[in-house]
Amino acid sequence: MEGMTYLAIAYLGMILGLGIWTWTVVTRSRNLQLRIKALEDSLGLDDFESDIITSEVNDTDKK
């Protein structure tokens, strides 16, 4: 029975670790998105203009 206890604790630890990792990734993603939005606002870009810039960069990469 001790082996099953250790296995259950290991699985719970793994699930907890994955939860913490997921929380960290989501938090960093939100923070990055807010920083990008602040940069766009400071440059005076709206969503349409920022998409044009992105497409122009992608077009020059293809050449």
Protein backbone atom coordinates (compact mmCIF):
# COMPACT_ATOMS: atom_id res chain seq x y z
CA MET A 1 0.00 0.00 0.00
CA GLU A 2 2.95 2.32 0.55
CA GLY A 3 3.81 2.22 -3.14
CA MET A 4 0.33 3.38 -4.08
CA THR A 5 0.59 6.24 -1.57
CA TYR A 6 3.85 7.43 -3.08
CA LEU A 7 2.40 7.13 -6.56
CA ALA A 8 -0.68 9.15 -5.60
CA ILE A 9 1.51 11.85 -4.02
CA ALA A 10 3.70 11.93 -7.14
CA TYR A 11 0.68 12.33 -9.41
CA LEU A 12 -0.74 15.10 -7.25
CA GLY A 13 2.65 16.83 -7.26
CA MET A 14 2.83 16.55 -11.03
CA ILE A 15 -0.66 18.01 -11.43
CA LEU A 16 0.22 20.83 -9.03
CA GLY A 17 3.45 21.52 -10.93
CA LEU A 18 1.62 21.65 -14.26
CA GLY A 19 -0.95 23.99 -12.75
CA ILE A 20 1.73 26.36 -11.46
CA TRP A 21 3.55 26.27 -14.81
CA THR A 22 0.32 26.98 -16.70
CA TRP A 23 -0.52 29.87 -14.36
CA THR A 24 2.95 31.34 -14.92
CA VAL A 25 2.68 31.10 -18.71
CA VAL A 26 -0.78 32.69 -18.75
CA THR A 27 0.35 35.50 -16.43
CA ARG A 28 3.41 36.25 -18.56
CA SER A 29 1.31 36.17 -21.71
CA ARG A 30 -1.15 38.68 -20.26
CA ASN A 31 1.71 40.90 -19.11
CA LEU A 32 3.32 40.79 -22.56
CA GLN A 33 0.00 41.58 -24.24
CA LEU A 34 -0.46 44.61 -21.96
CA ARG A 35 3.06 45.82 -22.74
CA ILE A 36 2.46 45.46 -26.48
CA LYS A 37 -0.81 47.36 -26.18
CA ALA A 38 0.92 50.14 -24.20
CA LEU A 39 3.63 50.37 -26.87
CA GLU A 40 1.03 50.59 -29.64
CA ASP A 41 -0.83 53.28 -27.70
CA SER A 42 2.35 55.28 -27.12
CA LEU A 43 3.16 55.14 -30.84
CA GLY A 44 -0.38 56.20 -31.68
CA LEU A 45 -1.17 53.05 -33.63
CA ASP A 46 -4.61 51.55 -33.78
CA ASP A 47 -5.26 47.87 -34.49
CA PHE A 48 -5.64 48.42 -38.24
CA GLU A 49 -2.30 50.23 -38.57
CA SER A 50 -0.46 47.68 -36.46
CA ASP A 51 -1.76 44.90 -38.71
CA ILE A 52 -0.51 46.76 -41.78
CA ILE A 53 2.94 47.07 -40.21
CA THR A 54 2.98 43.37 -39.40
CA SER A 55 1.97 42.44 -42.94
CA GLU A 56 4.67 44.76 -44.39
CA VAL A 57 7.31 43.10 -42.24
CA ASN A 58 6.12 39.66 -43.34
CA ASP A 59 6.16 40.74 -47.01
CA THR A 60 9.77 41.94 -46.78
CA ASP A 61 10.79 38.66 -45.13
CA LYS A 62 9.39 36.69 -48.08
CA LYS A 63 11.50 38.62 -50.64
